[in-house]
Protein backbone atom coordinates (compact mmCIF):
# COMPACT_ATOMS: atom_id res chain seq x y z
CA MET A 1 0.00 0.01 0.02
CA TYR A 2 1.16 3.51 -0.80
CA ASN A 3 -0.82 6.64 0.03
CA ASP A 4 -3.76 4.30 0.66
CA ASP A 5 -3.38 2.95 -2.88
CA LEU A 6 -2.79 -0.71 -3.57
CA ILE A 7 0.07 -1.25 -6.06
CA ALA A 8 1.19 -4.65 -7.32
CA ILE A 9 4.83 -5.42 -7.85
CA ARG A 10 5.58 -8.89 -9.20
CA VAL A 11 8.99 -10.26 -8.24
CA PRO A 12 10.58 -13.70 -8.17
CA ALA A 13 10.30 -15.65 -4.92
CA ASN A 14 14.08 -15.71 -4.58
CA ILE A 15 14.47 -11.92 -4.80
CA SER A 16 17.08 -10.39 -2.52
CA TYR A 17 16.34 -7.69 0.02
CA VAL A 18 18.38 -5.15 -1.99
CA ALA A 19 16.63 -6.06 -5.26
CA LEU A 20 13.22 -5.73 -3.57
CA TRP A 21 14.15 -2.22 -2.37
CA GLU A 22 15.27 -1.36 -5.92
CA LYS A 23 11.85 -2.47 -7.26
CA VAL A 24 10.05 -0.47 -4.56
CA PHE A 25 12.10 2.66 -5.35
CA GLU A 26 11.56 2.15 -9.09
CA ARG A 27 7.82 1.96 -8.61
CA LEU A 28 7.22 4.42 -5.76
CA GLY A 29 10.23 6.75 -5.79
CA SER A 30 13.09 7.42 -3.43
CA SER A 31 10.87 8.95 -0.74
CA VAL A 32 10.14 5.48 0.65
CA ARG A 33 11.80 5.17 4.04
CA ALA A 34 10.42 1.90 5.42
CA VAL A 35 8.56 -1.16 4.22
CA SER A 36 6.44 -3.40 6.43
CA TRP A 37 4.87 -6.72 5.60
CA LYS A 38 1.53 -8.12 6.74
CA THR A 39 1.97 -11.26 8.81
CA PRO A 40 -0.47 -14.18 8.57
CA SER A 41 -2.01 -13.00 11.88
CA GLY A 42 -2.73 -9.55 10.36
CA ASP A 43 -0.01 -7.62 12.19
CA TRP A 44 2.55 -5.45 10.39
CA SER A 45 6.25 -6.21 10.77
CA THR A 46 9.10 -4.03 9.50
CA LEU A 47 11.16 -5.49 6.67
CA ASP A 48 14.73 -4.48 7.64
CA SER A 49 17.01 -7.21 6.32
CA GLU A 50 17.54 -10.22 4.09
CA GLU A 51 16.63 -12.41 7.07
CA ASP A 52 13.34 -10.54 7.54
CA LEU A 53 12.50 -10.98 3.85
CA ARG A 54 13.25 -14.73 3.97
CA GLN A 55 11.02 -15.07 7.08
CA ALA A 56 8.23 -13.06 5.47
CA LEU A 57 8.34 -15.14 2.30
CA ALA A 58 8.35 -18.38 4.27
CA GLU A 59 5.43 -17.36 6.48
CA THR A 60 3.27 -16.13 3.64
CA GLY A 61 4.00 -18.79 1.06
CA GLY A 62 5.78 -16.25 -1.13
CA LYS A 63 2.93 -13.73 -1.52
CA LEU A 64 3.62 -10.56 0.48
CA THR A 65 1.41 -7.62 1.24
CA LEU A 66 3.71 -4.67 1.83
CA HIS A 67 3.12 -1.18 3.25
CA ALA A 68 5.48 1.61 2.19
CA THR A 69 6.14 4.53 4.56
CA CYS A 70 7.33 7.67 2.79
CA LEU A 71 8.65 11.08 3.82
């Protein structure tokens, strides 16, 4: 989600954390400062590292809902 808009970004399941950020910047611009992912329980968890991304992908079966926080 971005400015309350839902935007789809299709990426491979083995995408790296850096490559995901590049895709987010490409789509939403460099004002993005944080990305959170929606856990299966409905909570939001900050995506801060490669380890966080691997955990998120494992817990969601590879389909993430992300929320971008911008300046």
